[in-house]
C-alpha atoms as a PDB file:
ATOM      1  CA  MET A   1      46.983 -56.683 152.579  1.00  0.00           C
ATOM      2  CA  SER A   2      47.697 -58.372 149.254  1.00  0.00           C
ATOM      3  CA  LYS A   3      49.044 -55.122 147.809  1.00  0.00           C
ATOM      4  CA  ILE A   4      51.314 -54.655 150.837  1.00  0.00           C
ATOM      5  CA  ILE A   5      52.750 -58.165 150.428  1.00  0.00           C
ATOM      6  CA  GLY A   6      53.218 -57.637 146.691  1.00  0.00           C
ATOM      7  CA  ASP A   7      54.988 -54.314 147.219  1.00  0.00           C
ATOM      8  CA  ALA A   8      57.221 -55.893 149.875  1.00  0.00           C
ATOM      9  CA  VAL A   9      58.219 -58.711 147.532  1.00  0.00           C
ATOM     10  CA  ASN A  10      58.829 -56.226 144.727  1.00  0.00           C
ATOM     11  CA  VAL A  11      61.044 -54.075 146.975  1.00  0.00           C
ATOM     12  CA  THR A  12      62.968 -57.157 148.136  1.00  0.00           C
ATOM     13  CA  LEU A  13      63.593 -58.262 144.557  1.00  0.00           C
ATOM     14  CA  GLY A  14      64.628 -54.742 143.637  1.00  0.00           C
ATOM     15  CA  LYS A  15      67.118 -54.568 146.514  1.00  0.00           C
ATOM     16  CA  THR A  16      68.504 -57.984 145.551  1.00  0.00           C
ATOM     17  CA  VAL A  17      69.111 -56.802 141.996  1.00  0.00           C
ATOM     18  CA  GLU A  18      70.714 -53.591 143.292  1.00  0.00           C
ATOM     19  CA  TYR A  19      72.969 -55.619 145.601  1.00  0.00           C
ATOM     20  CA  PHE A  20      74.281 -57.800 142.806  1.00  0.00           C
ATOM     21  CA  GLY A  21      74.602 -54.706 140.648  1.00  0.00           C
ATOM     22  CA  SER A  22      76.863 -53.108 143.260  1.00  0.00           C
ATOM     23  CA  VAL A  23      78.911 -56.272 143.887  1.00  0.00           C
ATOM     24  CA  ILE A  24      79.474 -57.312 140.274  1.00  0.00           C
ATOM     25  CA  PRO A  25      81.700 -55.000 138.210  1.00  0.00           C
ATOM     26  CA  PRO A  26      79.767 -53.173 135.450  1.00  0.00           C
ATOM     27  CA  GLN A  27      81.797 -54.809 132.673  1.00  0.00           C
ATOM     28  CA  TYR A  28      80.697 -58.263 133.905  1.00  0.00           C
ATOM     29  CA  MET A  29      77.048 -57.374 134.524  1.00  0.00           C
ATOM     30  CA  VAL A  30      76.003 -58.404 131.027  1.00  0.00           C
ATOM     31  CA  TYR A  31      77.491 -61.878 131.587  1.00  0.00           C
ATOM     32  CA  PHE A  32      75.719 -62.181 134.925  1.00  0.00           C
ATOM     33  CA  THR A  33      72.405 -61.193 133.320  1.00  0.00           C
ATOM     34  CA  PHE A  34      73.058 -63.650 130.503  1.00  0.00           C
ATOM     35  CA  ALA A  35      73.731 -66.492 132.974  1.00  0.00           C
ATOM     36  CA  ILE A  36      70.659 -65.767 135.128  1.00  0.00           C
ATOM     37  CA  PHE A  37      68.241 -65.491 132.208  1.00  0.00           C
ATOM     38  CA  THR A  38      69.682 -68.593 130.544  1.00  0.00           C
ATOM     39  CA  LEU A  39      69.282 -70.565 133.766  1.00  0.00           C
ATOM     40  CA  LEU A  40      65.708 -69.369 134.360  1.00  0.00           C
ATOM     41  CA  ILE A  41      64.641 -70.067 130.773  1.00  0.00           C
ATOM     42  CA  THR A  42      66.222 -73.529 130.936  1.00  0.00           C
ATOM     43  CA  ILE A  43      64.440 -74.393 134.190  1.00  0.00           C
ATOM     44  CA  TYR A  44      61.136 -73.117 132.804  1.00  0.00           C
ATOM     45  CA  ALA A  45      61.594 -75.027 129.534  1.00  0.00           C
ATOM     46  CA  LEU A  46      62.413 -78.276 131.345  1.00  0.00           C
ATOM     47  CA  PHE A  47      59.389 -77.861 133.576  1.00  0.00           C
ATOM     48  CA  VAL A  48      57.053 -77.159 130.642  1.00  0.00           C
ATOM     49  CA  TRP A  49      58.574 -80.059 128.682  1.00  0.00           C
ATOM     50  CA  ASN A  50      57.776 -82.516 131.463  1.00  0.00           C
ATOM     51  CA  PHE A  51      54.394 -80.877 131.984  1.00  0.00           C
ATOM     52  CA  TYR A  52      53.110 -81.157 128.423  1.00  0.00           C
ATOM     53  CA  ARG A  53      54.540 -84.647 127.830  1.00  0.00           C
ATOM     54  CA  PHE A  54      52.638 -85.921 130.861  1.00  0.00           C
ATOM     55  CA  LEU A  55      49.380 -84.031 130.343  1.00  0.00           C
ATOM     56  CA  ALA A  56      49.205 -84.983 126.641  1.00  0.00           C
ATOM     57  CA  LYS A  57      49.241 -88.731 127.304  1.00  0.00           C
ATOM     58  CA  ARG A  58      45.959 -90.448 126.592  1.00  0.00           C
ATOM     59  CA  ASP A  59      46.564 -92.710 129.582  1.00  0.00           C
ATOM     60  CA  LEU A  60      47.687 -90.287 132.278  1.00  0.00           C
ATOM     61  CA  LEU A  61      47.864 -93.088 134.813  1.00  0.00           C
ATOM     62  CA  GLN A  62      49.857 -96.207 134.083  1.00  0.00           C
ATOM     63  CA  LEU A  63      49.224 -97.864 137.415  1.00  0.00           C
ATOM     64  CA  ASN A  64      47.621-100.948 135.834  1.00  0.00           C
ATOM     65  CA  LEU A  65      45.740-101.769 139.014  1.00  0.00           C
ATOM     66  CA  ALA A  66      44.033-104.630 137.170  1.00  0.00           C
ATOM     67  CA  GLN A  67      47.192-106.701 137.677  1.00  0.00           C
ATOM     68  CA  TYR A  68      46.212-107.045 141.338  1.00  0.00           C
ATOM     69  CA  ASN A  69      42.915-108.669 140.370  1.00  0.00           C
ATOM     70  CA  ARG A  70      43.895-112.337 140.728  1.00  0.00           C
ATOM     71  CA  TYR A  71      40.578-113.853 141.719  1.00  0.00           C
ATOM     72  CA  ASP A  72      39.243-116.772 139.672  1.00  0.00           C
ATOM     73  CA  HIS A  73      35.608-116.416 140.700  1.00  0.00           C
ATOM     74  CA  ALA A  74      33.843-114.569 137.852  1.00  0.00           C
ATOM     75  CA  VAL A  75      31.575-112.388 140.000  1.00  0.00           C
ATOM     76  CA  VAL A  76      34.301-111.442 142.478  1.00  0.00           C
ATOM     77  CA  LYS A  77      36.731-110.755 139.653  1.00  0.00           C
ATOM     78  CA  LYS A  78      34.304-108.413 137.867  1.00  0.00           C
ATOM     79  CA  LEU A  79      33.414-106.652 141.118  1.00  0.00           C
ATOM     80  CA  LEU A  80      37.061-106.111 142.012  1.00  0.00           C
ATOM     81  CA  ALA A  81      37.794-104.953 138.460  1.00  0.00           C
ATOM     82  CA  ALA A  82      35.051-102.335 138.786  1.00  0.00           C
ATOM     83  CA  ILE A  83      36.401-101.189 142.165  1.00  0.00           C
ATOM     84  CA  LEU A  84      39.956-100.896 140.813  1.00  0.00           C
ATOM     85  CA  TYR A  85      38.709 -99.003 137.757  1.00  0.00           C
ATOM     86  CA  VAL A  86      36.828 -96.531 139.948  1.00  0.00           C
ATOM     87  CA  LEU A  87      39.880 -96.125 142.181  1.00  0.00           C
ATOM     88  CA  GLU A  88      42.193 -95.456 139.245  1.00  0.00           C
ATOM     89  CA  TYR A  89      40.033 -93.247 137.037  1.00  0.00           C
ATOM     90  CA  ILE A  90      37.409 -91.740 139.334  1.00  0.00           C
ATOM     91  CA  ILE A  91      39.520 -91.047 142.436  1.00  0.00           C
ATOM     92  CA  ILE A  92      43.223 -90.893 141.523  1.00  0.00           C
ATOM     93  CA  LEU A  93      42.878 -89.355 138.047  1.00  0.00           C
ATOM     94  CA  PRO A  94      40.902 -86.286 139.249  1.00  0.00           C
ATOM     95  CA  ILE A  95      43.669 -85.574 141.752  1.00  0.00           C
ATOM     96  CA  VAL A  96      46.269 -85.696 138.962  1.00  0.00           C
ATOM     97  CA  VAL A  97      44.188 -83.470 136.671  1.00  0.00           C
ATOM     98  CA  PHE A  98      43.544 -81.101 139.601  1.00  0.00           C
ATOM     99  CA  PHE A  99      47.303 -80.781 140.132  1.00  0.00           C
ATOM    100  CA  TRP A 100      48.081 -80.066 136.479  1.00  0.00           C
ATOM    101  CA  PHE A 101      45.193 -77.609 136.258  1.00  0.00           C
ATOM    102  CA  PHE A 102      46.822 -75.589 139.017  1.00  0.00           C
ATOM    103  CA  VAL A 103      50.212 -75.894 137.320  1.00  0.00           C
ATOM    104  CA  MET A 104      48.772 -74.401 134.126  1.00  0.00           C
ATOM    105  CA  THR A 105      46.915 -71.759 136.152  1.00  0.00           C
ATOM    106  CA  PHE A 106      50.113 -70.801 137.979  1.00  0.00           C
ATOM    107  CA  ILE A 107      52.060 -70.482 134.711  1.00  0.00           C
ATOM    108  CA  LEU A 108      49.376 -68.259 133.222  1.00  0.00           C
ATOM    109  CA  LEU A 109      49.056 -66.357 136.500  1.00  0.00           C
ATOM    110  CA  ILE A 110      52.725 -65.427 136.565  1.00  0.00           C
ATOM    111  CA  LEU A 111      52.958 -64.471 132.918  1.00  0.00           C
ATOM    112  CA  GLY A 112      49.367 -63.467 132.154  1.00  0.00           C
ATOM    113  CA  ARG A 113      49.589 -59.750 132.659  1.00  0.00           C
ATOM    114  CA  GLU A 114      46.170 -58.228 132.014  1.00  0.00           C
ATOM    115  CA  GLN A 115      43.759 -61.045 132.909  1.00  0.00           C
ATOM    116  CA  SER A 116      42.046 -61.444 136.275  1.00  0.00           C
ATOM    117  CA  PHE A 117      42.336 -64.710 138.182  1.00  0.00           C
ATOM    118  CA  SER A 118      38.844 -65.781 137.101  1.00  0.00           C
ATOM    119  CA  GLN A 119      39.796 -65.311 133.444  1.00  0.00           C
ATOM    120  CA  ILE A 120      43.091 -67.124 133.919  1.00  0.00           C
ATOM    121  CA  ALA A 121      41.397 -70.057 135.681  1.00  0.00           C
ATOM    122  CA  LEU A 122      38.877 -70.329 132.834  1.00  0.00           C
ATOM    123  CA  ILE A 123      41.636 -70.231 130.210  1.00  0.00           C
ATOM    124  CA  ALA A 124      43.646 -72.871 132.101  1.00  0.00           C
ATOM    125  CA  ALA A 125      40.585 -75.119 132.380  1.00  0.00           C
ATOM    126  CA  CYS A 126      39.881 -74.742 128.649  1.00  0.00           C
ATOM    127  CA  ILE A 127      43.489 -75.598 127.787  1.00  0.00           C
ATOM    128  CA  VAL A 128      43.577 -78.649 130.060  1.00  0.00           C
ATOM    129  CA  GLY A 129      40.192 -79.815 128.763  1.00  0.00           C
ATOM    130  CA  ALA A 130      41.226 -79.383 125.117  1.00  0.00           C
ATOM    131  CA  VAL A 131      44.524 -81.183 125.727  1.00  0.00           C
ATOM    132  CA  ARG A 132      42.735 -84.113 127.354  1.00  0.00           C
ATOM    133  CA  ILE A 133      40.189 -84.330 124.503  1.00  0.00           C
ATOM    134  CA  THR A 134      42.814 -84.205 121.740  1.00  0.00           C
ATOM    135  CA  SER A 135      44.949 -86.816 123.532  1.00  0.00           C
ATOM    136  CA  TYR A 136      42.300 -89.401 122.635  1.00  0.00           C
ATOM    137  CA  TYR A 137      42.586 -88.438 118.959  1.00  0.00           C
ATOM    138  CA  SER A 138      46.325 -87.823 118.615  1.00  0.00           C
ATOM    139  CA  GLU A 139      48.917 -87.522 121.362  1.00  0.00           C
ATOM    140  CA  ASP A 140      51.155 -85.515 119.004  1.00  0.00           C
ATOM    141  CA  LEU A 141      48.414 -82.928 118.534  1.00  0.00           C
ATOM    142  CA  SER A 142      47.796 -82.925 122.272  1.00  0.00           C
ATOM    143  CA  LYS A 143      51.491 -82.292 122.973  1.00  0.00           C
ATOM    144  CA  ASP A 144      51.611 -79.390 120.521  1.00  0.00           C
ATOM    145  CA  LEU A 145      48.563 -77.831 122.145  1.00  0.00           C
ATOM    146  CA  ALA A 146      49.847 -78.349 125.697  1.00  0.00           C
ATOM    147  CA  LYS A 147      53.177 -76.642 125.028  1.00  0.00           C
ATOM    148  CA  LEU A 148      51.816 -73.864 122.805  1.00  0.00           C
ATOM    149  CA  PHE A 149      50.563 -71.491 125.498  1.00  0.00           C
ATOM    150  CA  PRO A 150      53.404 -71.787 128.063  1.00  0.00           C
ATOM    151  CA  PHE A 151      56.110 -71.196 125.439  1.00  0.00           C
ATOM    152  CA  THR A 152      54.160 -68.436 123.687  1.00  0.00           C
ATOM    153  CA  ILE A 153      53.663 -66.610 126.975  1.00  0.00           C
ATOM    154  CA  LEU A 154      57.371 -67.041 127.763  1.00  0.00           C
ATOM    155  CA  ALA A 155      58.305 -65.452 124.432  1.00  0.00           C
ATOM    156  CA  ILE A 156      55.958 -62.516 125.072  1.00  0.00           C
ATOM    157  CA  ALA A 157      57.323 -62.075 128.605  1.00  0.00           C
ATOM    158  CA  LEU A 158      60.926 -61.948 127.364  1.00  0.00           C
ATOM    159  CA  VAL A 159      60.301 -59.172 124.845  1.00  0.00           C
ATOM    160  CA  THR A 160      57.903 -57.103 126.983  1.00  0.00           C
ATOM    161  CA  PRO A 161      59.551 -54.857 129.633  1.00  0.00           C
ATOM    162  CA  GLY A 162      57.948 -55.127 133.074  1.00  0.00           C
ATOM    163  CA  PHE A 163      55.722 -57.993 131.947  1.00  0.00           C
ATOM    164  CA  VAL A 164      55.809 -59.731 135.351  1.00  0.00           C
ATOM    165  CA  ASN A 165      54.345 -57.510 138.079  1.00  0.00           C
ATOM    166  CA  VAL A 166      54.766 -59.017 141.553  1.00  0.00           C
ATOM    167  CA  PRO A 167      52.158 -56.867 143.394  1.00  0.00           C
ATOM    168  CA  GLU A 168      49.526 -57.689 140.758  1.00  0.00           C
ATOM    169  CA  LEU A 169      50.479 -61.372 140.992  1.00  0.00           C
ATOM    170  CA  VAL A 170      49.927 -61.422 144.761  1.00  0.00           C
ATOM    171  CA  VAL A 171      46.572 -59.660 144.376  1.00  0.00           C
ATOM    172  CA  LYS A 172      45.469 -62.247 141.801  1.00  0.00           C
ATOM    173  CA  ILE A 173      46.519 -65.129 144.049  1.00  0.00           C
ATOM    174  CA  SER A 174      44.443 -63.636 146.872  1.00  0.00           C
ATOM    175  CA  GLU A 175      41.336 -64.085 144.679  1.00  0.00           C
ATOM    176  CA  VAL A 176      41.607 -67.894 144.748  1.00  0.00           C
ATOM    177  CA  GLY A 177      39.361 -68.325 147.793  1.00  0.00           C
ATOM    178  CA  ASN A 178      36.554 -66.274 146.251  1.00  0.00           C
ATOM    179  CA  LEU A 179      36.571 -68.364 143.073  1.00  0.00           C
ATOM    180  CA  PHE A 180      36.894 -71.826 144.617  1.00  0.00           C
ATOM    181  CA  SER A 181      33.392 -72.852 143.503  1.00  0.00           C
ATOM    182  CA  ASN A 182      34.220 -71.879 139.909  1.00  0.00           C
ATOM    183  CA  ILE A 183      37.395 -73.952 140.033  1.00  0.00           C
ATOM    184  CA  VAL A 184      35.468 -76.974 141.293  1.00  0.00           C
ATOM    185  CA  VAL A 185      32.985 -76.610 138.414  1.00  0.00           C
ATOM    186  CA  TYR A 186      35.830 -76.466 135.876  1.00  0.00           C
ATOM    187  CA  LEU A 187      37.387 -79.619 137.302  1.00  0.00           C
ATOM    188  CA  VAL A 188      34.048 -81.460 137.361  1.00  0.00           C
ATOM    189  CA  VAL A 189      33.508 -80.598 133.683  1.00  0.00           C
ATOM    190  CA  ILE A 190      37.021 -81.761 132.771  1.00  0.00           C
ATOM    191  CA  MET A 191      36.548 -85.035 134.641  1.00  0.00           C
ATOM    192  CA  ALA A 192      33.133 -85.561 133.024  1.00  0.00           C
ATOM    193  CA  LEU A 193      34.769 -85.155 129.620  1.00  0.00           C
ATOM    194  CA  GLU A 194      37.525 -87.562 130.647  1.00  0.00           C
ATOM    195  CA  PHE A 195      34.979 -90.125 131.798  1.00  0.00           C
ATOM    196  CA  ILE A 196      32.956 -89.859 128.564  1.00  0.00           C
ATOM    197  CA  LEU A 197      36.084 -90.195 126.423  1.00  0.00           C
ATOM    198  CA  ARG A 198      37.244 -93.165 128.471  1.00  0.00           C
ATOM    199  CA  MET A 199      33.892 -94.879 128.001  1.00  0.00           C
ATOM    200  CA  LEU A 200      33.977 -94.199 124.255  1.00  0.00           C
ATOM    201  CA  GLN A 201      37.476 -95.632 124.115  1.00  0.00           C
ATOM    202  CA  LEU A 202      36.316 -98.829 125.813  1.00  0.00           C
ATOM    203  CA  ILE A 203      33.428 -99.415 123.400  1.00  0.00           C
ATOM    204  CA  THR A 204      35.219 -98.226 120.248  1.00  0.00           C
ATOM    205  CA  PRO A 205      37.849-100.483 118.642  1.00  0.00           C
ATOM    206  CA  ASP A 206      41.330 -99.065 118.166  1.00  0.00           C
ATOM    207  CA  LYS A 207      42.522 -98.135 114.683  1.00  0.00           C
ATOM    208  CA  ASP A 208      45.068-100.950 114.763  1.00  0.00           C
ATOM    209  CA  GLU A 209      42.336-103.484 115.466  1.00  0.00           C
ATOM    210  CA  GLU A 210      40.304-102.193 112.537  1.00  0.00           C
END
């Protein structure tokens, strides 16, 4: 079924290209190709730029839920602070990391030619985990790491004919359900790392304070 869908999409894309090839005069085809590729690369670059700038932040969430803790009673204030902390970093943050994990997986899935979905998911989890770890050391290093793979894969895709194979892409996507448990494990590990780093940050003084 997956192969049928992939072949159908491939045929549709092929017919679309043939249509524009028949409509646009041959002498202008190079300009059309130039415009399309420039637009696609620009959109991809803007997306990756926003992606890595967000993922590389040490503080992914800037909700500052503590501002809503206005109680004067010491016990109530500490209890509410704990609840807000859990809400922000134990509930909301995993959702955000889960989203960006799938963004990285999707990028690698489209442009990662020879890897299976399980390999791509593992690579994406390793990248996201490494980016989150390095963000606590240096956000500049984290940004460089976060943008390295998407832009490198883009460069390889541009110079490799037939790099993106739609039928193979659809087949890989169909494997998601079979590997759901693996994905959950990856996310749990990433969130455990995030929690440990957050705790270390709380008990370790900042460099400026030292």
